[in-house]
Amino acid sequence: MIVYLHADSLQKQPALAHSMFTDRAKQFKERLGWDVSVNSKGEERDQYDALNPLYVIWQEPGGGHGGSMRFLPSTGRTMTNEHFLHLTGGVRIESPFIWECTRFCLAEGAGSQTAAALMLAGAELMRGHGIKHFLGVFDAPMARVYRHIGASPEVLGSAGAGRAKTSVGLWAYTPAAKARLVAKAGVSEAAMRLWYERAFGARPKAKSAVA
């Protein structure tokens, strides 16, 4: 199932949070070889985890982490504006209707169904919070994942080639895109709506991240 948790609420589910951060270490540090920091607990965390982001997490039936994404409003600090302006031609992307998505992580062994479920949860977040677009930086392997599940973004700019290619894109969810994700994820829109309302209620007020 999908769990929505802000950073200041992760203590409510410590085992889930720990497995998310250790899976991030395995994906980004071990498998992809990124230059990221891993703490003594085996967790990958960065400066943006300290800004009270919203985590969208696929929780496995046993309670562990299956996959996750991290969101911050683009009106505050974002990785795109602070580290990847060369991909946007130096143009900062800031809007109350655009949130940045980072640290898209899949637990080892998780497949395209989990990836599609996370993207579908993102669509539900857009609907409920009145968000028009998600902004994100992604590499070539993730571009293939997005194509496979039918959720490719509008590419705003790229640098590099092959597996080293890095791009920045905008995601907008249409009814057709949502239908493709429902079919790929094997999860109904009704279930997604239920999980969202468990976290935020039927008419939530978006919680601002701490800048």
C-alpha atoms as a PDB file:
ATOM      1  CA  MET A   1       0.000   0.000   0.000  1.00  0.00           C
ATOM      2  CA  ILE A   2       0.976   3.662  -0.317  1.00  0.00           C
ATOM      3  CA  VAL A   3       2.025   5.637   2.760  1.00  0.00           C
ATOM      4  CA  TYR A   4       2.422   9.436   2.723  1.00  0.00           C
ATOM      5  CA  LEU A   5       4.731  10.759   5.457  1.00  0.00           C
ATOM      6  CA  HIS A   6       6.418  14.092   6.014  1.00  0.00           C
ATOM      7  CA  ALA A   7       9.921  13.887   7.440  1.00  0.00           C
ATOM      8  CA  ASP A   8       8.734  15.105  10.837  1.00  0.00           C
ATOM      9  CA  SER A   9       6.368  12.120  11.002  1.00  0.00           C
ATOM     10  CA  LEU A  10       8.830   9.377  10.065  1.00  0.00           C
ATOM     11  CA  GLN A  11       9.218   8.481  13.732  1.00  0.00           C
ATOM     12  CA  LYS A  12       5.691   7.049  13.575  1.00  0.00           C
ATOM     13  CA  GLN A  13       7.026   4.257  11.368  1.00  0.00           C
ATOM     14  CA  PRO A  14      10.732   3.898  12.251  1.00  0.00           C
ATOM     15  CA  ALA A  15      11.243   0.481  10.637  1.00  0.00           C
ATOM     16  CA  LEU A  16       9.708   1.646   7.355  1.00  0.00           C
ATOM     17  CA  ALA A  17      11.796   4.826   7.406  1.00  0.00           C
ATOM     18  CA  HIS A  18      15.021   2.939   8.133  1.00  0.00           C
ATOM     19  CA  SER A  19      14.396   0.458   5.324  1.00  0.00           C
ATOM     20  CA  MET A  20      13.706   3.348   2.928  1.00  0.00           C
ATOM     21  CA  PHE A  21      16.994   5.080   3.712  1.00  0.00           C
ATOM     22  CA  THR A  22      19.011   1.836   3.595  1.00  0.00           C
ATOM     23  CA  ASP A  23      17.424   0.934   0.254  1.00  0.00           C
ATOM     24  CA  ARG A  24      18.429   4.377  -0.980  1.00  0.00           C
ATOM     25  CA  ALA A  25      22.018   3.603   0.046  1.00  0.00           C
ATOM     26  CA  LYS A  26      21.918   0.293  -1.822  1.00  0.00           C
ATOM     27  CA  GLN A  27      20.497   1.861  -4.985  1.00  0.00           C
ATOM     28  CA  PHE A  28      22.371   5.136  -5.205  1.00  0.00           C
ATOM     29  CA  LYS A  29      25.703   4.269  -3.547  1.00  0.00           C
ATOM     30  CA  GLU A  30      26.167   0.576  -4.273  1.00  0.00           C
ATOM     31  CA  ARG A  31      24.328  -0.100  -7.534  1.00  0.00           C
ATOM     32  CA  LEU A  32      24.629   3.277  -9.273  1.00  0.00           C
ATOM     33  CA  GLY A  33      27.896   4.440  -7.720  1.00  0.00           C
ATOM     34  CA  TRP A  34      26.698   7.954  -6.948  1.00  0.00           C
ATOM     35  CA  ASP A  35      28.790  10.209  -4.725  1.00  0.00           C
ATOM     36  CA  VAL A  36      26.343  10.206  -1.800  1.00  0.00           C
ATOM     37  CA  SER A  37      26.816   9.997   1.961  1.00  0.00           C
ATOM     38  CA  VAL A  38      25.838   6.925   3.946  1.00  0.00           C
ATOM     39  CA  ASN A  39      25.718   7.151   7.744  1.00  0.00           C
ATOM     40  CA  SER A  40      26.751   4.604  10.376  1.00  0.00           C
ATOM     41  CA  LYS A  41      23.276   3.039  10.215  1.00  0.00           C
ATOM     42  CA  GLY A  42      23.680   2.331   6.507  1.00  0.00           C
ATOM     43  CA  GLU A  43      21.212   5.083   5.564  1.00  0.00           C
ATOM     44  CA  GLU A  44      21.574   7.453   2.611  1.00  0.00           C
ATOM     45  CA  ARG A  45      20.429  10.937   3.565  1.00  0.00           C
ATOM     46  CA  ASP A  46      21.202  14.385   2.173  1.00  0.00           C
ATOM     47  CA  GLN A  47      20.554  18.044   2.964  1.00  0.00           C
ATOM     48  CA  TYR A  48      17.071  17.948   1.420  1.00  0.00           C
ATOM     49  CA  ASP A  49      15.894  15.304   3.876  1.00  0.00           C
ATOM     50  CA  ALA A  50      16.338  17.998   6.546  1.00  0.00           C
ATOM     51  CA  LEU A  51      13.771  20.305   4.861  1.00  0.00           C
ATOM     52  CA  ASN A  52      10.701  18.317   5.968  1.00  0.00           C
ATOM     53  CA  PRO A  53       9.911  16.833   2.549  1.00  0.00           C
ATOM     54  CA  LEU A  54       6.938  14.621   1.839  1.00  0.00           C
ATOM     55  CA  TYR A  55       7.795  10.963   1.215  1.00  0.00           C
ATOM     56  CA  VAL A  56       5.504   8.795  -0.887  1.00  0.00           C
ATOM     57  CA  ILE A  57       6.301   5.193   0.015  1.00  0.00           C
ATOM     58  CA  TRP A  58       5.143   1.828  -1.278  1.00  0.00           C
ATOM     59  CA  GLN A  59       4.958  -0.363   1.836  1.00  0.00           C
ATOM     60  CA  GLU A  60       5.212  -4.100   1.272  1.00  0.00           C
ATOM     61  CA  PRO A  61       2.749  -6.474   3.014  1.00  0.00           C
ATOM     62  CA  GLY A  62       5.454  -7.353   5.554  1.00  0.00           C
ATOM     63  CA  GLY A  63       5.854  -3.687   6.477  1.00  0.00           C
ATOM     64  CA  GLY A  64       9.114  -2.952   4.669  1.00  0.00           C
ATOM     65  CA  HIS A  65       9.984  -0.434   1.984  1.00  0.00           C
ATOM     66  CA  GLY A  66       9.256  -1.407  -1.614  1.00  0.00           C
ATOM     67  CA  GLY A  67       9.877   1.946  -3.256  1.00  0.00           C
ATOM     68  CA  SER A  68       9.622   5.674  -2.587  1.00  0.00           C
ATOM     69  CA  MET A  69       9.842   9.239  -3.862  1.00  0.00           C
ATOM     70  CA  ARG A  70      10.589  12.527  -2.095  1.00  0.00           C
ATOM     71  CA  PHE A  71       8.748  15.801  -2.767  1.00  0.00           C
ATOM     72  CA  LEU A  72       9.474  19.458  -2.024  1.00  0.00           C
ATOM     73  CA  PRO A  73       7.597  22.548  -3.292  1.00  0.00           C
ATOM     74  CA  SER A  74       9.608  24.400  -5.934  1.00  0.00           C
ATOM     75  CA  THR A  75       8.935  27.680  -4.105  1.00  0.00           C
ATOM     76  CA  GLY A  76      11.558  26.595  -1.547  1.00  0.00           C
ATOM     77  CA  ARG A  77      14.962  24.975  -1.898  1.00  0.00           C
ATOM     78  CA  THR A  78      15.214  22.317  -4.589  1.00  0.00           C
ATOM     79  CA  MET A  79      17.979  20.172  -6.005  1.00  0.00           C
ATOM     80  CA  THR A  80      17.119  21.310  -9.529  1.00  0.00           C
ATOM     81  CA  ASN A  81      17.563  25.011  -8.791  1.00  0.00           C
ATOM     82  CA  GLU A  82      20.647  24.553  -6.618  1.00  0.00           C
ATOM     83  CA  HIS A  83      22.619  21.955  -8.575  1.00  0.00           C
ATOM     84  CA  PHE A  84      21.184  21.459 -12.072  1.00  0.00           C
ATOM     85  CA  LEU A  85      20.542  24.930 -13.501  1.00  0.00           C
ATOM     86  CA  HIS A  86      22.823  24.057 -16.412  1.00  0.00           C
ATOM     87  CA  LEU A  87      20.083  21.676 -17.574  1.00  0.00           C
ATOM     88  CA  THR A  88      17.480  24.459 -17.680  1.00  0.00           C
ATOM     89  CA  GLY A  89      19.683  27.056 -19.362  1.00  0.00           C
ATOM     90  CA  GLY A  90      20.083  28.877 -16.059  1.00  0.00           C
ATOM     91  CA  VAL A  91      16.327  29.363 -15.612  1.00  0.00           C
ATOM     92  CA  ARG A  92      15.044  28.722 -12.086  1.00  0.00           C
ATOM     93  CA  ILE A  93      11.781  26.802 -11.937  1.00  0.00           C
ATOM     94  CA  GLU A  94       9.616  28.131  -9.118  1.00  0.00           C
ATOM     95  CA  SER A  95       5.837  27.899  -8.843  1.00  0.00           C
ATOM     96  CA  PRO A  96       3.310  26.993  -6.131  1.00  0.00           C
ATOM     97  CA  PHE A  97       1.888  24.541  -8.682  1.00  0.00           C
ATOM     98  CA  ILE A  98       5.170  22.692  -9.301  1.00  0.00           C
ATOM     99  CA  TRP A  99       6.749  20.314  -6.789  1.00  0.00           C
ATOM    100  CA  GLU A 100      10.136  18.672  -7.210  1.00  0.00           C
ATOM    101  CA  CYS A 101      10.399  14.884  -7.077  1.00  0.00           C
ATOM    102  CA  THR A 102      13.761  13.375  -6.125  1.00  0.00           C
ATOM    103  CA  ARG A 103      15.268  10.130  -4.802  1.00  0.00           C
ATOM    104  CA  PHE A 104      12.990   7.818  -6.802  1.00  0.00           C
ATOM    105  CA  CYS A 105      14.090   4.549  -5.237  1.00  0.00           C
ATOM    106  CA  LEU A 106      13.059   0.942  -5.747  1.00  0.00           C
ATOM    107  CA  ALA A 107      13.979  -1.784  -3.276  1.00  0.00           C
ATOM    108  CA  GLU A 108      16.121  -4.551  -4.708  1.00  0.00           C
ATOM    109  CA  GLY A 109      13.821  -6.973  -6.504  1.00  0.00           C
ATOM    110  CA  ALA A 110      10.973  -4.471  -6.890  1.00  0.00           C
ATOM    111  CA  GLY A 111       9.626  -4.314 -10.421  1.00  0.00           C
ATOM    112  CA  SER A 112       7.714  -2.113 -12.794  1.00  0.00           C
ATOM    113  CA  GLN A 113       4.471  -2.607 -10.860  1.00  0.00           C
ATOM    114  CA  THR A 114       5.965  -0.837  -7.840  1.00  0.00           C
ATOM    115  CA  ALA A 115       7.337   1.960 -10.016  1.00  0.00           C
ATOM    116  CA  ALA A 116       3.933   2.419 -11.645  1.00  0.00           C
ATOM    117  CA  ALA A 117       2.183   2.400  -8.255  1.00  0.00           C
ATOM    118  CA  LEU A 118       4.479   5.172  -7.038  1.00  0.00           C
ATOM    119  CA  MET A 119       3.790   7.273 -10.125  1.00  0.00           C
ATOM    120  CA  LEU A 120       0.069   6.665  -9.698  1.00  0.00           C
ATOM    121  CA  ALA A 121       0.358   7.829  -6.093  1.00  0.00           C
ATOM    122  CA  GLY A 122       2.043  10.931  -7.466  1.00  0.00           C
ATOM    123  CA  ALA A 123      -0.981  11.512  -9.690  1.00  0.00           C
ATOM    124  CA  GLU A 124      -3.228  11.277  -6.632  1.00  0.00           C
ATOM    125  CA  LEU A 125      -1.002  13.772  -4.811  1.00  0.00           C
ATOM    126  CA  MET A 126      -1.343  16.168  -7.735  1.00  0.00           C
ATOM    127  CA  ARG A 127      -5.115  15.852  -7.708  1.00  0.00           C
ATOM    128  CA  GLY A 128      -5.490  16.289  -3.967  1.00  0.00           C
ATOM    129  CA  HIS A 129      -2.958  19.075  -3.480  1.00  0.00           C
ATOM    130  CA  GLY A 130      -3.776  21.058  -6.630  1.00  0.00           C
ATOM    131  CA  ILE A 131      -0.331  20.507  -8.161  1.00  0.00           C
ATOM    132  CA  LYS A 132      -0.024  20.933 -11.926  1.00  0.00           C
ATOM    133  CA  HIS A 133       3.438  19.492 -12.574  1.00  0.00           C
ATOM    134  CA  PHE A 134       6.228  17.528 -10.955  1.00  0.00           C
ATOM    135  CA  LEU A 135       9.810  18.562 -11.667  1.00  0.00           C
ATOM    136  CA  GLY A 136      12.674  16.100 -11.564  1.00  0.00           C
ATOM    137  CA  VAL A 137      16.222  15.325 -12.643  1.00  0.00           C
ATOM    138  CA  PHE A 138      16.799  11.792 -13.879  1.00  0.00           C
ATOM    139  CA  ASP A 139      19.456   9.656 -15.525  1.00  0.00           C
ATOM    140  CA  ALA A 140      19.320   7.320 -18.517  1.00  0.00           C
ATOM    141  CA  PRO A 141      18.354   4.168 -16.563  1.00  0.00           C
ATOM    142  CA  MET A 142      15.399   5.981 -14.968  1.00  0.00           C
ATOM    143  CA  ALA A 143      14.354   7.323 -18.370  1.00  0.00           C
ATOM    144  CA  ARG A 144      13.947   3.698 -19.476  1.00  0.00           C
ATOM    145  CA  VAL A 145      11.868   2.929 -16.374  1.00  0.00           C
ATOM    146  CA  TYR A 146       9.563   5.868 -17.077  1.00  0.00           C
ATOM    147  CA  ARG A 147       9.122   4.806 -20.709  1.00  0.00           C
ATOM    148  CA  HIS A 148       8.369   1.237 -19.673  1.00  0.00           C
ATOM    149  CA  ILE A 149       5.562   2.237 -17.315  1.00  0.00           C
ATOM    150  CA  GLY A 150       4.173   4.888 -19.682  1.00  0.00           C
ATOM    151  CA  ALA A 151       5.086   7.899 -17.559  1.00  0.00           C
ATOM    152  CA  SER A 152       7.770   9.766 -19.493  1.00  0.00           C
ATOM    153  CA  PRO A 153       8.115  13.487 -18.717  1.00  0.00           C
ATOM    154  CA  GLU A 154       8.479  16.484 -20.992  1.00  0.00           C
ATOM    155  CA  VAL A 155      12.254  16.883 -21.178  1.00  0.00           C
ATOM    156  CA  LEU A 156      13.385  20.470 -20.589  1.00  0.00           C
ATOM    157  CA  GLY A 157      17.103  19.908 -21.050  1.00  0.00           C
ATOM    158  CA  SER A 158      19.828  17.268 -21.019  1.00  0.00           C
ATOM    159  CA  ALA A 159      23.591  16.887 -20.722  1.00  0.00           C
ATOM    160  CA  GLY A 160      25.899  13.948 -21.390  1.00  0.00           C
ATOM    161  CA  ALA A 161      25.350  10.820 -23.442  1.00  0.00           C
ATOM    162  CA  GLY A 162      24.608   7.143 -22.982  1.00  0.00           C
ATOM    163  CA  ARG A 163      24.251   5.959 -19.392  1.00  0.00           C
ATOM    164  CA  ALA A 164      25.835   9.243 -18.266  1.00  0.00           C
ATOM    165  CA  LYS A 165      23.039  11.334 -19.786  1.00  0.00           C
ATOM    166  CA  THR A 166      21.216  13.476 -17.231  1.00  0.00           C
ATOM    167  CA  SER A 167      17.960  15.272 -17.946  1.00  0.00           C
ATOM    168  CA  VAL A 168      15.436  17.496 -16.223  1.00  0.00           C
ATOM    169  CA  GLY A 169      11.758  17.054 -16.955  1.00  0.00           C
ATOM    170  CA  LEU A 170       8.208  18.000 -16.074  1.00  0.00           C
ATOM    171  CA  TRP A 171       5.452  15.467 -15.443  1.00  0.00           C
ATOM    172  CA  ALA A 172       1.766  16.268 -15.985  1.00  0.00           C
ATOM    173  CA  TYR A 173      -0.875  13.604 -15.445  1.00  0.00           C
ATOM    174  CA  THR A 174      -3.653  13.204 -17.980  1.00  0.00           C
ATOM    175  CA  PRO A 175      -6.558  10.741 -17.737  1.00  0.00           C
ATOM    176  CA  ALA A 176      -4.874   8.618 -20.402  1.00  0.00           C
ATOM    177  CA  ALA A 177      -1.583   8.547 -18.488  1.00  0.00           C
ATOM    178  CA  LYS A 178      -3.387   7.614 -15.279  1.00  0.00           C
ATOM    179  CA  ALA A 179      -5.204   4.798 -17.057  1.00  0.00           C
ATOM    180  CA  ARG A 180      -1.891   3.370 -18.274  1.00  0.00           C
ATOM    181  CA  LEU A 181      -0.469   3.510 -14.752  1.00  0.00           C
ATOM    182  CA  VAL A 182      -3.541   1.824 -13.255  1.00  0.00           C
ATOM    183  CA  ALA A 183      -3.156  -1.040 -15.731  1.00  0.00           C
ATOM    184  CA  LYS A 184       0.599  -1.360 -15.108  1.00  0.00           C
ATOM    185  CA  ALA A 185       0.404  -1.038 -11.306  1.00  0.00           C
ATOM    186  CA  GLY A 186      -2.529  -3.377 -10.815  1.00  0.00           C
ATOM    187  CA  VAL A 187      -3.909  -0.910  -8.248  1.00  0.00           C
ATOM    188  CA  SER A 188      -7.249   0.835  -8.632  1.00  0.00           C
ATOM    189  CA  GLU A 189      -7.762   4.583  -8.480  1.00  0.00           C
ATOM    190  CA  ALA A 190     -10.202   3.923  -5.625  1.00  0.00           C
ATOM    191  CA  ALA A 191      -7.452   2.301  -3.562  1.00  0.00           C
ATOM    192  CA  MET A 192      -5.113   5.213  -4.278  1.00  0.00           C
ATOM    193  CA  ARG A 193      -7.797   7.670  -3.227  1.00  0.00           C
ATOM    194  CA  LEU A 194      -8.341   5.740   0.025  1.00  0.00           C
ATOM    195  CA  TRP A 195      -4.628   5.748   0.908  1.00  0.00           C
ATOM    196  CA  TYR A 196      -4.401   9.452   0.130  1.00  0.00           C
ATOM    197  CA  GLU A 197      -7.416  10.305   2.287  1.00  0.00           C
ATOM    198  CA  ARG A 198      -6.048   8.243   5.175  1.00  0.00           C
ATOM    199  CA  ALA A 199      -3.049  10.585   5.158  1.00  0.00           C
ATOM    200  CA  PHE A 200      -4.629  13.930   4.360  1.00  0.00           C
ATOM    201  CA  GLY A 201      -8.394  13.644   4.624  1.00  0.00           C
ATOM    202  CA  ALA A 202     -10.828  14.389   1.833  1.00  0.00           C
ATOM    203  CA  ARG A 203      -9.929  18.087   1.635  1.00  0.00           C
ATOM    204  CA  PRO A 204      -6.327  18.488   2.825  1.00  0.00           C
ATOM    205  CA  LYS A 205      -4.334  21.624   3.314  1.00  0.00           C
ATOM    206  CA  ALA A 206      -0.921  21.140   1.791  1.00  0.00           C
ATOM    207  CA  LYS A 207       1.777  21.145   4.474  1.00  0.00           C
ATOM    208  CA  SER A 208       4.637  23.466   3.614  1.00  0.00           C
ATOM    209  CA  ALA A 209       8.188  22.239   3.816  1.00  0.00           C
ATOM    210  CA  VAL A 210      10.534  24.069   6.150  1.00  0.00           C
ATOM    211  CA  ALA A 211      12.893  26.191   4.049  1.00  0.00           C
END
